[in-house]
Amino acid sequence: MWKKIALSLAALVVLLLVAIALQPPTFAVERSVSIGAPAGLVFAYIQSPRAHEAWSPFFAMDPEQKNRYEGPDAGVGAATTWEGGRAGKGRMTVADVKPDREVTMRLEFQEPMEATNQAVFTLEPASGGTTVTWRLEGEQTFLGKAFSLVTDMDAMVGGEFEKGLASLKTLAEHAAVAPD
């Protein structure tokens, strides 16, 4: 009887390992919003890690989070590091900019899990303003693949992107109509 139980458990473990191994090696989460403001105004809020504090939900998720800024205020090389109980520990660096069109950021997560991902913000002209797309992409480690079996990363992270884009929209649209 114990032999059958052990063989059954071993078979389940093997099936689980195979299921994990078969998960996609990469992931991507993406959300978009139309903003009634010119691309240059929206771009200013995206290319500066300091400006993210005003709209990104990731800066407000942990009241204990401490942020440090390095490099220029905006553009390539602008960076922030964070550390907090809920937020973990990591670094975000502006890696590339195409003025008024795209900002690419390197995200290095150190805790609770190590990962290096890329966030890309694209800005496209739209009727009455700008369409902004926020995309997170990266490779999945074995642990990440296992996590994806029990967690819908698209819903989890995508929901935060939706909140952030809504805040960015409010901020940029208000700034677009505010008198100089």
C-alpha atoms as a PDB file:
ATOM      1  CA  MET A   1       0.000   0.000   0.000  1.00  0.00           C
ATOM      2  CA  TRP A   2       2.784   2.488   0.907  1.00  0.00           C
ATOM      3  CA  LYS A   3       4.498   1.639  -2.342  1.00  0.00           C
ATOM      4  CA  LYS A   4       1.353   2.605  -4.340  1.00  0.00           C
ATOM      5  CA  ILE A   5       1.026   5.866  -2.421  1.00  0.00           C
ATOM      6  CA  ALA A   6       4.704   6.699  -2.989  1.00  0.00           C
ATOM      7  CA  LEU A   7       4.438   5.879  -6.719  1.00  0.00           C
ATOM      8  CA  SER A   8       1.271   7.970  -7.010  1.00  0.00           C
ATOM      9  CA  LEU A   9       2.960  10.939  -5.291  1.00  0.00           C
ATOM     10  CA  ALA A  10       6.031  10.552  -7.491  1.00  0.00           C
ATOM     11  CA  ALA A  11       3.819  10.511 -10.593  1.00  0.00           C
ATOM     12  CA  LEU A  12       2.034  13.672  -9.417  1.00  0.00           C
ATOM     13  CA  VAL A  13       5.358  15.419  -8.805  1.00  0.00           C
ATOM     14  CA  VAL A  14       6.580  14.436 -12.275  1.00  0.00           C
ATOM     15  CA  LEU A  15       3.336  15.693 -13.854  1.00  0.00           C
ATOM     16  CA  LEU A  16       3.630  18.967 -11.958  1.00  0.00           C
ATOM     17  CA  LEU A  17       7.252  19.428 -13.047  1.00  0.00           C
ATOM     18  CA  VAL A  18       6.299  18.740 -16.667  1.00  0.00           C
ATOM     19  CA  ALA A  19       3.377  21.200 -16.461  1.00  0.00           C
ATOM     20  CA  ILE A  20       5.715  23.867 -15.060  1.00  0.00           C
ATOM     21  CA  ALA A  21       8.377  23.192 -17.691  1.00  0.00           C
ATOM     22  CA  LEU A  22       5.800  23.526 -20.490  1.00  0.00           C
ATOM     23  CA  GLN A  23       4.754  27.044 -19.467  1.00  0.00           C
ATOM     24  CA  PRO A  24       5.832  29.816 -21.871  1.00  0.00           C
ATOM     25  CA  PRO A  25       9.417  31.023 -21.360  1.00  0.00           C
ATOM     26  CA  THR A  26       8.355  34.675 -21.556  1.00  0.00           C
ATOM     27  CA  PHE A  27       5.454  36.811 -20.376  1.00  0.00           C
ATOM     28  CA  ALA A  28       3.923  40.126 -21.360  1.00  0.00           C
ATOM     29  CA  VAL A  29       1.260  42.287 -19.733  1.00  0.00           C
ATOM     30  CA  GLU A  30      -0.117  45.291 -21.584  1.00  0.00           C
ATOM     31  CA  ARG A  31      -2.771  47.951 -21.082  1.00  0.00           C
ATOM     32  CA  SER A  32      -3.633  51.144 -22.996  1.00  0.00           C
ATOM     33  CA  VAL A  33      -5.575  54.342 -22.412  1.00  0.00           C
ATOM     34  CA  SER A  34      -6.504  57.389 -24.483  1.00  0.00           C
ATOM     35  CA  ILE A  35      -5.455  60.638 -22.869  1.00  0.00           C
ATOM     36  CA  GLY A  36      -6.779  64.038 -23.924  1.00  0.00           C
ATOM     37  CA  ALA A  37      -3.371  65.701 -23.786  1.00  0.00           C
ATOM     38  CA  PRO A  38      -0.473  66.186 -26.192  1.00  0.00           C
ATOM     39  CA  ALA A  39       2.241  63.519 -26.307  1.00  0.00           C
ATOM     40  CA  GLY A  40       4.932  65.919 -25.066  1.00  0.00           C
ATOM     41  CA  LEU A  41       3.045  66.609 -21.859  1.00  0.00           C
ATOM     42  CA  VAL A  42       2.336  62.912 -21.203  1.00  0.00           C
ATOM     43  CA  PHE A  43       5.917  61.981 -22.100  1.00  0.00           C
ATOM     44  CA  ALA A  44       7.237  64.254 -19.334  1.00  0.00           C
ATOM     45  CA  TYR A  45       5.323  62.232 -16.721  1.00  0.00           C
ATOM     46  CA  ILE A  46       6.636  58.929 -18.073  1.00  0.00           C
ATOM     47  CA  GLN A  47      10.331  59.600 -18.683  1.00  0.00           C
ATOM     48  CA  SER A  48      10.957  60.758 -15.101  1.00  0.00           C
ATOM     49  CA  PRO A  49      10.984  58.164 -12.291  1.00  0.00           C
ATOM     50  CA  ARG A  50      10.331  61.034  -9.861  1.00  0.00           C
ATOM     51  CA  ALA A  51       7.156  61.933 -11.761  1.00  0.00           C
ATOM     52  CA  HIS A  52       5.920  58.334 -11.455  1.00  0.00           C
ATOM     53  CA  GLU A  53       5.240  59.000  -7.772  1.00  0.00           C
ATOM     54  CA  ALA A  54       2.308  61.198  -8.826  1.00  0.00           C
ATOM     55  CA  TRP A  55       0.525  58.502 -10.845  1.00  0.00           C
ATOM     56  CA  SER A  56       2.018  54.995 -10.570  1.00  0.00           C
ATOM     57  CA  PRO A  57       0.234  52.706  -8.099  1.00  0.00           C
ATOM     58  CA  PHE A  58       3.518  50.931  -7.439  1.00  0.00           C
ATOM     59  CA  PHE A  59       4.765  53.960  -5.506  1.00  0.00           C
ATOM     60  CA  ALA A  60       1.678  53.994  -3.273  1.00  0.00           C
ATOM     61  CA  MET A  61       1.271  50.288  -2.552  1.00  0.00           C
ATOM     62  CA  ASP A  62       3.558  50.200   0.468  1.00  0.00           C
ATOM     63  CA  PRO A  63       3.444  52.961   3.119  1.00  0.00           C
ATOM     64  CA  GLU A  64       6.856  51.795   4.380  1.00  0.00           C
ATOM     65  CA  GLN A  65       8.452  52.023   0.925  1.00  0.00           C
ATOM     66  CA  LYS A  66      11.590  54.152   0.699  1.00  0.00           C
ATOM     67  CA  ASN A  67      12.628  55.521  -2.699  1.00  0.00           C
ATOM     68  CA  ARG A  68      16.023  56.912  -3.703  1.00  0.00           C
ATOM     69  CA  TYR A  69      16.708  58.699  -6.970  1.00  0.00           C
ATOM     70  CA  GLU A  70      19.926  58.638  -8.947  1.00  0.00           C
ATOM     71  CA  GLY A  71      21.190  60.199 -12.160  1.00  0.00           C
ATOM     72  CA  PRO A  72      19.325  62.899 -14.060  1.00  0.00           C
ATOM     73  CA  ASP A  73      15.731  63.783 -13.175  1.00  0.00           C
ATOM     74  CA  ALA A  74      14.489  62.410 -16.499  1.00  0.00           C
ATOM     75  CA  GLY A  75      15.628  60.595 -19.610  1.00  0.00           C
ATOM     76  CA  VAL A  76      18.268  57.918 -20.086  1.00  0.00           C
ATOM     77  CA  GLY A  77      20.031  57.101 -16.820  1.00  0.00           C
ATOM     78  CA  ALA A  78      17.315  58.460 -14.541  1.00  0.00           C
ATOM     79  CA  ALA A  79      16.752  55.822 -11.887  1.00  0.00           C
ATOM     80  CA  THR A  80      14.999  54.996  -8.665  1.00  0.00           C
ATOM     81  CA  THR A  81      15.635  52.268  -6.151  1.00  0.00           C
ATOM     82  CA  TRP A  82      12.955  51.130  -3.744  1.00  0.00           C
ATOM     83  CA  GLU A  83      12.738  49.056  -0.618  1.00  0.00           C
ATOM     84  CA  GLY A  84       9.746  48.212   1.524  1.00  0.00           C
ATOM     85  CA  GLY A  85       8.021  45.421   3.372  1.00  0.00           C
ATOM     86  CA  ARG A  86       5.299  44.881   0.780  1.00  0.00           C
ATOM     87  CA  ALA A  87       7.082  46.392  -2.241  1.00  0.00           C
ATOM     88  CA  GLY A  88      10.230  44.328  -1.850  1.00  0.00           C
ATOM     89  CA  LYS A  89      13.481  45.702  -3.171  1.00  0.00           C
ATOM     90  CA  GLY A  90      14.502  46.754  -6.654  1.00  0.00           C
ATOM     91  CA  ARG A  91      15.638  49.326  -9.173  1.00  0.00           C
ATOM     92  CA  MET A  92      14.030  51.034 -12.186  1.00  0.00           C
ATOM     93  CA  THR A  93      16.259  52.750 -14.748  1.00  0.00           C
ATOM     94  CA  VAL A  94      15.286  54.639 -17.895  1.00  0.00           C
ATOM     95  CA  ALA A  95      17.163  52.702 -20.576  1.00  0.00           C
ATOM     96  CA  ASP A  96      16.020  54.408 -23.773  1.00  0.00           C
ATOM     97  CA  VAL A  97      13.823  57.289 -24.887  1.00  0.00           C
ATOM     98  CA  LYS A  98      12.358  58.325 -28.198  1.00  0.00           C
ATOM     99  CA  PRO A  99      11.015  61.802 -27.382  1.00  0.00           C
ATOM    100  CA  ASP A 100       7.227  61.991 -27.306  1.00  0.00           C
ATOM    101  CA  ARG A 101       6.983  58.388 -28.649  1.00  0.00           C
ATOM    102  CA  GLU A 102       8.522  55.773 -26.338  1.00  0.00           C
ATOM    103  CA  VAL A 103      10.233  55.199 -22.990  1.00  0.00           C
ATOM    104  CA  THR A 104      11.926  51.887 -22.152  1.00  0.00           C
ATOM    105  CA  MET A 105      12.790  51.048 -18.548  1.00  0.00           C
ATOM    106  CA  ARG A 106      14.870  48.275 -17.062  1.00  0.00           C
ATOM    107  CA  LEU A 107      13.276  46.808 -13.931  1.00  0.00           C
ATOM    108  CA  GLU A 108      15.533  44.852 -11.602  1.00  0.00           C
ATOM    109  CA  PHE A 109      13.652  43.096  -8.823  1.00  0.00           C
ATOM    110  CA  GLN A 110      15.861  41.851  -5.982  1.00  0.00           C
ATOM    111  CA  GLU A 111      13.318  40.847  -3.324  1.00  0.00           C
ATOM    112  CA  PRO A 112      11.109  38.939  -2.763  1.00  0.00           C
ATOM    113  CA  MET A 113      12.165  37.261  -6.043  1.00  0.00           C
ATOM    114  CA  GLU A 114      14.987  38.140  -8.388  1.00  0.00           C
ATOM    115  CA  ALA A 115      13.998  39.083 -11.922  1.00  0.00           C
ATOM    116  CA  THR A 116      14.981  41.554 -14.611  1.00  0.00           C
ATOM    117  CA  ASN A 117      12.155  42.770 -16.822  1.00  0.00           C
ATOM    118  CA  GLN A 118      11.485  45.557 -19.255  1.00  0.00           C
ATOM    119  CA  ALA A 119       8.690  48.129 -19.160  1.00  0.00           C
ATOM    120  CA  VAL A 120       7.899  49.957 -22.381  1.00  0.00           C
ATOM    121  CA  PHE A 121       5.609  52.969 -22.642  1.00  0.00           C
ATOM    122  CA  THR A 122       4.530  53.871 -26.164  1.00  0.00           C
ATOM    123  CA  LEU A 123       2.743  57.069 -27.091  1.00  0.00           C
ATOM    124  CA  GLU A 124       0.757  57.309 -30.317  1.00  0.00           C
ATOM    125  CA  PRO A 125      -1.170  60.274 -31.660  1.00  0.00           C
ATOM    126  CA  ALA A 126      -4.918  59.809 -31.303  1.00  0.00           C
ATOM    127  CA  SER A 127      -7.967  61.899 -32.010  1.00  0.00           C
ATOM    128  CA  GLY A 128      -7.930  64.628 -29.378  1.00  0.00           C
ATOM    129  CA  GLY A 129      -4.738  63.483 -27.662  1.00  0.00           C
ATOM    130  CA  THR A 130      -2.462  60.522 -27.153  1.00  0.00           C
ATOM    131  CA  THR A 131      -2.885  56.777 -26.708  1.00  0.00           C
ATOM    132  CA  VAL A 132      -0.470  55.452 -24.083  1.00  0.00           C
ATOM    133  CA  THR A 133       0.381  51.759 -23.860  1.00  0.00           C
ATOM    134  CA  TRP A 134       2.175  50.347 -20.797  1.00  0.00           C
ATOM    135  CA  ARG A 135       3.804  46.966 -21.440  1.00  0.00           C
ATOM    136  CA  LEU A 136       5.795  44.757 -19.083  1.00  0.00           C
ATOM    137  CA  GLU A 137       7.750  41.878 -20.572  1.00  0.00           C
ATOM    138  CA  GLY A 138      10.349  39.427 -19.410  1.00  0.00           C
ATOM    139  CA  GLU A 139      11.570  35.891 -19.167  1.00  0.00           C
ATOM    140  CA  GLN A 140      10.045  33.406 -16.757  1.00  0.00           C
ATOM    141  CA  THR A 141      12.308  31.379 -14.536  1.00  0.00           C
ATOM    142  CA  PHE A 142      11.206  27.942 -13.390  1.00  0.00           C
ATOM    143  CA  LEU A 143       9.813  29.524 -10.219  1.00  0.00           C
ATOM    144  CA  GLY A 144       7.997  32.149 -12.300  1.00  0.00           C
ATOM    145  CA  LYS A 145       6.476  29.433 -14.452  1.00  0.00           C
ATOM    146  CA  ALA A 146       5.297  27.611 -11.322  1.00  0.00           C
ATOM    147  CA  PHE A 147       3.808  30.851  -9.976  1.00  0.00           C
ATOM    148  CA  SER A 148       1.933  31.357 -13.258  1.00  0.00           C
ATOM    149  CA  LEU A 149       0.094  28.065 -12.736  1.00  0.00           C
ATOM    150  CA  VAL A 150      -1.698  29.466  -9.694  1.00  0.00           C
ATOM    151  CA  THR A 151      -1.736  33.221 -10.378  1.00  0.00           C
ATOM    152  CA  ASP A 152      -3.096  35.205 -13.314  1.00  0.00           C
ATOM    153  CA  MET A 153      -0.267  37.704 -13.744  1.00  0.00           C
ATOM    154  CA  ASP A 154      -2.119  39.520 -16.508  1.00  0.00           C
ATOM    155  CA  ALA A 155      -5.062  40.229 -14.203  1.00  0.00           C
ATOM    156  CA  MET A 156      -2.868  41.012 -11.200  1.00  0.00           C
ATOM    157  CA  VAL A 157      -0.365  43.351 -12.869  1.00  0.00           C
ATOM    158  CA  GLY A 158      -2.768  44.515 -15.566  1.00  0.00           C
ATOM    159  CA  GLY A 159      -5.167  45.782 -12.911  1.00  0.00           C
ATOM    160  CA  GLU A 160      -2.388  47.912 -11.433  1.00  0.00           C
ATOM    161  CA  PHE A 161      -1.504  49.194 -14.930  1.00  0.00           C
ATOM    162  CA  GLU A 162      -5.149  50.197 -15.409  1.00  0.00           C
ATOM    163  CA  LYS A 163      -5.104  52.152 -12.120  1.00  0.00           C
ATOM    164  CA  GLY A 164      -1.841  53.848 -13.052  1.00  0.00           C
ATOM    165  CA  LEU A 165      -2.969  54.763 -16.543  1.00  0.00           C
ATOM    166  CA  ALA A 166      -6.211  56.194 -15.141  1.00  0.00           C
ATOM    167  CA  SER A 167      -4.184  58.354 -12.726  1.00  0.00           C
ATOM    168  CA  LEU A 168      -1.825  59.411 -15.529  1.00  0.00           C
ATOM    169  CA  LYS A 169      -4.847  60.330 -17.656  1.00  0.00           C
ATOM    170  CA  THR A 170      -6.351  62.484 -14.891  1.00  0.00           C
ATOM    171  CA  LEU A 171      -3.031  64.177 -14.174  1.00  0.00           C
ATOM    172  CA  ALA A 172      -2.151  64.878 -17.819  1.00  0.00           C
ATOM    173  CA  GLU A 173      -5.632  66.016 -18.825  1.00  0.00           C
ATOM    174  CA  HIS A 174      -5.781  68.396 -15.865  1.00  0.00           C
ATOM    175  CA  ALA A 175      -2.345  69.794 -16.772  1.00  0.00           C
ATOM    176  CA  ALA A 176      -3.414  70.159 -20.421  1.00  0.00           C
ATOM    177  CA  VAL A 177      -6.296  72.483 -19.529  1.00  0.00           C
ATOM    178  CA  ALA A 178      -4.627  74.311 -16.606  1.00  0.00           C
ATOM    179  CA  PRO A 179      -3.653  77.904 -17.388  1.00  0.00           C
ATOM    180  CA  ASP A 180       0.082  78.602 -17.601  1.00  0.00           C
END
